[in-house]
Amino acid sequence: MILNFIFSNLDRIALAVWLVFFVVVLVRVFKSAWLKDIAYRWLIVVAVFLHILYGAVATWGQYVVWGKSEFTKILLSSALSPEVPFPSMLEWLRPAFDGAHGYFAFHSFQNFFLSTIALFIIVGLFLAFLVVRARYRPINFREGDIAIIALALLIAGWPGVITLLPIGLFVAVIFSLGARFFYSIERVPLPPAFLIAAPFALIFAIPILTALHLYPLLKL
């Protein structure tokens, strides 16, 4: 009964977990004295683990569901058919799914892990850019800024990471105007704004991208 509830509501549970995680990160950033013993790197590790855990639980749920029917049970032990469409950029991986359980492995990879891999690649590339930039222009970065941006990207997930930049810049403008008007502060750092924008990107990415007719291109 509990497993059925988890598998039926996995996306809602995952969203709730990410929102709770966001609150923890928010407290760590803005009330650092409360969680000073929790390093940013460990929060990043937890975020990476949560993404992988979601894929693992979804794969397990798919295995259980397919195993309940004699018709779908065949798919658990079938090799991937050559007729099954494969992402052109990943065609070189097709031989890995030729053996027994290949179809189930490919289905799980495509539906539960491919988006996570794409997210990790984008986060890695963006962080590499920030690290290089911080090396040559350290004045633009405070301690923990890069880690906060990494956490924002990981919380936004896929495809939220695509919409995080415009939403983050919008939030930064709002913060900047408010800080200048009410507190006469001229410069507001970007990382906290991106962090605040992360749950909005997580929740509203699909409607935004759908409205822009981009979601079919980015759906993984």
Protein backbone atom coordinates (compact mmCIF):
# COMPACT_ATOMS: atom_id res chain seq x y z
CA MET A 1 0.00 0.00 0.00
CA ILE A 2 2.75 2.43 0.93
CA LEU A 3 4.74 1.53 -2.19
CA ASN A 4 1.69 2.09 -4.38
CA PHE A 5 1.24 5.52 -2.81
CA ILE A 6 4.91 6.40 -3.36
CA PHE A 7 4.97 5.23 -6.97
CA SER A 8 1.64 6.94 -7.77
CA ASN A 9 2.71 10.24 -6.25
CA LEU A 10 6.44 10.18 -6.92
CA ASP A 11 6.53 13.52 -8.73
CA ARG A 12 4.57 15.26 -5.98
CA ILE A 13 6.79 13.71 -3.31
CA ALA A 14 9.90 14.77 -5.23
CA LEU A 15 8.58 18.33 -5.52
CA ALA A 16 7.89 18.44 -1.77
CA VAL A 17 11.39 17.13 -1.02
CA TRP A 18 12.98 19.77 -3.27
CA LEU A 19 10.98 22.54 -1.62
CA VAL A 20 12.09 21.37 1.83
CA PHE A 21 15.67 21.17 0.58
CA PHE A 22 15.33 24.70 -0.83
CA VAL A 23 14.24 25.98 2.58
CA VAL A 24 17.29 24.34 4.18
CA VAL A 25 19.60 25.96 1.64
CA LEU A 26 17.81 29.28 2.10
CA VAL A 27 18.40 29.15 5.85
CA ARG A 28 22.04 28.20 5.28
CA VAL A 29 22.55 31.21 3.00
CA PHE A 30 20.61 33.92 4.84
CA LYS A 31 20.83 32.60 8.42
CA SER A 32 24.21 30.93 8.21
CA ALA A 33 24.71 30.92 11.98
CA TRP A 34 21.85 28.44 12.34
CA LEU A 35 23.40 25.87 9.99
CA LYS A 36 27.04 26.97 10.05
CA ASP A 37 28.27 23.39 10.46
CA ILE A 38 26.75 22.33 7.14
CA ALA A 39 29.20 23.11 4.34
CA TYR A 40 27.87 24.07 0.92
CA ARG A 41 29.71 21.16 -0.66
CA TRP A 42 27.68 18.72 1.41
CA LEU A 43 24.45 20.38 0.33
CA ILE A 44 25.60 19.96 -3.27
CA VAL A 45 26.31 16.29 -2.61
CA VAL A 46 22.81 15.87 -1.14
CA ALA A 47 21.26 17.60 -4.19
CA VAL A 48 23.13 15.30 -6.58
CA PHE A 49 22.08 12.28 -4.50
CA LEU A 50 18.41 13.36 -4.59
CA HIS A 51 18.46 13.51 -8.39
CA ILE A 52 20.01 10.04 -8.63
CA LEU A 53 17.66 8.70 -5.95
CA TYR A 54 14.62 9.89 -7.92
CA GLY A 55 15.81 7.97 -10.97
CA ALA A 56 16.47 4.86 -8.90
CA VAL A 57 13.06 4.93 -7.20
CA ALA A 58 11.28 5.62 -10.52
CA THR A 59 13.14 2.69 -12.11
CA TRP A 60 12.16 0.44 -9.22
CA GLY A 61 8.54 1.55 -9.52
CA GLN A 62 8.54 0.87 -13.27
CA TYR A 63 9.96 -2.61 -12.65
CA VAL A 64 7.25 -3.37 -10.08
CA VAL A 65 4.44 -2.09 -12.33
CA TRP A 66 5.62 -4.00 -15.40
CA GLY A 67 6.16 -7.12 -13.32
CA LYS A 68 2.47 -7.26 -12.36
CA SER A 69 1.25 -8.04 -15.89
CA GLU A 70 2.16 -11.06 -18.00
CA PHE A 71 2.17 -8.82 -21.08
CA THR A 72 4.49 -6.13 -19.71
CA LYS A 73 6.61 -8.65 -17.83
CA ILE A 74 8.04 -9.69 -21.20
CA LEU A 75 9.50 -6.20 -21.56
CA LEU A 76 11.60 -6.71 -18.43
CA SER A 77 13.69 -9.41 -20.08
CA SER A 78 13.62 -8.23 -23.71
CA ALA A 79 16.55 -6.75 -25.59
CA LEU A 80 16.19 -3.33 -27.18
CA SER A 81 14.79 -3.70 -30.68
CA PRO A 82 16.70 -2.00 -33.53
CA GLU A 83 13.39 -0.34 -34.50
CA VAL A 84 13.17 1.56 -31.21
CA PRO A 85 14.12 5.23 -31.81
CA PHE A 86 17.35 6.22 -30.11
CA PRO A 87 18.66 9.76 -29.48
CA SER A 88 20.97 10.47 -32.42
CA MET A 89 23.69 11.96 -30.21
CA LEU A 90 23.70 8.78 -28.11
CA GLU A 91 23.48 6.22 -30.90
CA TRP A 92 26.90 4.94 -29.89
CA LEU A 93 25.32 3.68 -26.66
CA ARG A 94 22.80 1.40 -28.38
CA PRO A 95 24.99 -1.76 -28.13
CA ALA A 96 24.85 -1.43 -24.34
CA PHE A 97 21.12 -2.25 -24.50
CA ASP A 98 21.28 -5.20 -26.90
CA GLY A 99 21.35 -7.90 -24.23
CA ALA A 100 18.70 -9.23 -21.86
CA HIS A 101 16.78 -6.52 -19.98
CA GLY A 102 17.99 -4.07 -22.63
CA TYR A 103 14.56 -2.60 -23.34
CA PHE A 104 13.82 -1.98 -19.66
CA ALA A 105 17.30 -0.52 -19.12
CA PHE A 106 16.85 1.81 -22.10
CA HIS A 107 13.36 2.84 -21.00
CA SER A 108 14.65 3.67 -17.51
CA PHE A 109 17.71 5.46 -18.86
CA GLN A 110 15.70 7.58 -21.28
CA ASN A 111 12.84 8.46 -18.94
CA PHE A 112 14.48 8.63 -15.52
CA PHE A 113 18.19 9.37 -15.98
CA LEU A 114 18.78 11.16 -19.30
CA SER A 115 17.41 14.46 -18.01
CA THR A 116 19.57 14.15 -14.90
CA ILE A 117 22.67 13.56 -17.01
CA ALA A 118 21.80 16.62 -19.13
CA LEU A 119 21.34 18.65 -15.94
CA PHE A 120 24.69 17.53 -14.52
CA ILE A 121 26.46 18.40 -17.80
CA ILE A 122 24.97 21.90 -17.86
CA VAL A 123 25.76 22.47 -14.18
CA GLY A 124 29.31 21.20 -14.68
CA LEU A 125 29.93 23.44 -17.70
CA PHE A 126 28.46 26.48 -15.98
CA LEU A 127 30.48 25.89 -12.84
CA ALA A 128 33.66 25.44 -14.89
CA PHE A 129 32.97 28.81 -16.51
CA LEU A 130 32.40 30.45 -13.12
CA VAL A 131 35.55 28.92 -11.61
CA VAL A 132 37.65 30.21 -14.51
CA ARG A 133 36.01 33.62 -14.30
CA ALA A 134 36.53 33.76 -10.53
CA ARG A 135 40.21 32.99 -11.02
CA TYR A 136 40.71 35.98 -13.29
CA ARG A 137 38.17 38.35 -11.70
CA PRO A 138 37.91 37.34 -8.04
CA ILE A 139 36.49 40.73 -7.09
CA ASN A 140 33.15 39.71 -8.62
CA PHE A 141 32.74 36.68 -6.36
CA ARG A 142 32.22 36.35 -2.64
CA GLU A 143 32.88 33.20 -0.65
CA GLY A 144 30.20 30.63 -1.37
CA ASP A 145 28.78 32.41 -4.43
CA ILE A 146 29.64 29.62 -6.87
CA ALA A 147 28.26 26.97 -4.52
CA ILE A 148 24.99 28.90 -4.14
CA ILE A 149 24.60 29.11 -7.92
CA ALA A 150 25.32 25.37 -8.19
CA LEU A 151 22.62 24.65 -5.62
CA ALA A 152 20.17 26.90 -7.46
CA LEU A 153 20.83 25.04 -10.71
CA LEU A 154 20.40 21.65 -9.05
CA ILE A 155 17.18 22.69 -7.29
CA ALA A 156 15.74 24.01 -10.58
CA GLY A 157 16.41 20.59 -12.16
CA TRP A 158 15.60 19.79 -15.76
CA PRO A 159 14.18 21.64 -17.64
CA GLY A 160 14.04 24.30 -14.92
CA VAL A 161 17.74 24.98 -15.36
CA ILE A 162 16.92 26.40 -18.82
CA THR A 163 14.51 28.98 -17.40
CA LEU A 164 16.53 29.77 -14.27
CA LEU A 165 18.69 32.42 -15.95
CA PRO A 166 15.85 34.71 -17.13
CA ILE A 167 13.83 34.17 -13.94
CA GLY A 168 16.95 34.74 -11.82
CA LEU A 169 17.78 37.96 -13.66
CA PHE A 170 14.18 39.15 -13.21
CA VAL A 171 14.35 38.45 -9.46
CA ALA A 172 17.74 40.19 -9.30
CA VAL A 173 16.26 43.31 -10.92
CA ILE A 174 13.38 43.30 -8.41
CA PHE A 175 15.83 42.88 -5.51
CA SER A 176 18.07 45.61 -6.90
CA LEU A 177 15.24 48.10 -7.28
CA GLY A 178 13.92 47.31 -3.81
CA ALA A 179 17.36 47.56 -2.21
CA ARG A 180 18.08 50.87 -3.95
CA PHE A 181 14.69 52.39 -3.15
CA PHE A 182 14.34 51.27 0.48
CA TYR A 183 17.95 50.86 1.67
CA SER A 184 20.02 52.94 -0.78
CA ILE A 185 22.06 49.83 -1.63
CA GLU A 186 23.57 50.17 -5.08
CA ARG A 187 24.71 46.58 -5.74
CA VAL A 188 22.84 43.34 -4.99
CA PRO A 189 24.74 40.04 -5.47
CA LEU A 190 23.30 37.70 -8.09
CA PRO A 191 23.66 34.26 -6.38
CA PRO A 192 20.93 34.81 -3.74
CA ALA A 193 18.59 36.05 -6.47
CA PHE A 194 19.22 32.88 -8.48
CA LEU A 195 18.58 30.80 -5.37
CA ILE A 196 15.25 32.55 -4.74
CA ALA A 197 14.34 31.98 -8.39
CA ALA A 198 15.16 28.24 -8.28
CA PRO A 199 11.79 26.94 -6.97
CA PHE A 200 9.94 29.12 -9.48
CA ALA A 201 12.04 27.63 -12.27
CA LEU A 202 11.39 24.16 -10.85
CA ILE A 203 7.61 24.63 -10.75
CA PHE A 204 6.92 26.84 -13.76
CA ALA A 205 9.57 25.72 -16.28
CA ILE A 206 7.28 23.37 -18.20
CA PRO A 207 4.39 25.89 -18.58
CA ILE A 208 6.85 28.63 -19.61
CA LEU A 209 8.67 26.45 -22.14
CA THR A 210 5.37 25.06 -23.44
CA ALA A 211 4.07 28.60 -24.00
CA LEU A 212 7.25 29.37 -25.92
CA HIS A 213 6.89 26.13 -27.93
CA LEU A 214 10.29 24.97 -26.64
CA TYR A 215 9.28 22.15 -24.33
CA PRO A 216 8.97 19.48 -27.06
CA LEU A 217 12.60 20.22 -27.99
CA LEU A 218 13.84 20.04 -24.39
CA LYS A 219 11.71 17.20 -23.05
CA LEU A 220 13.92 14.31 -21.95
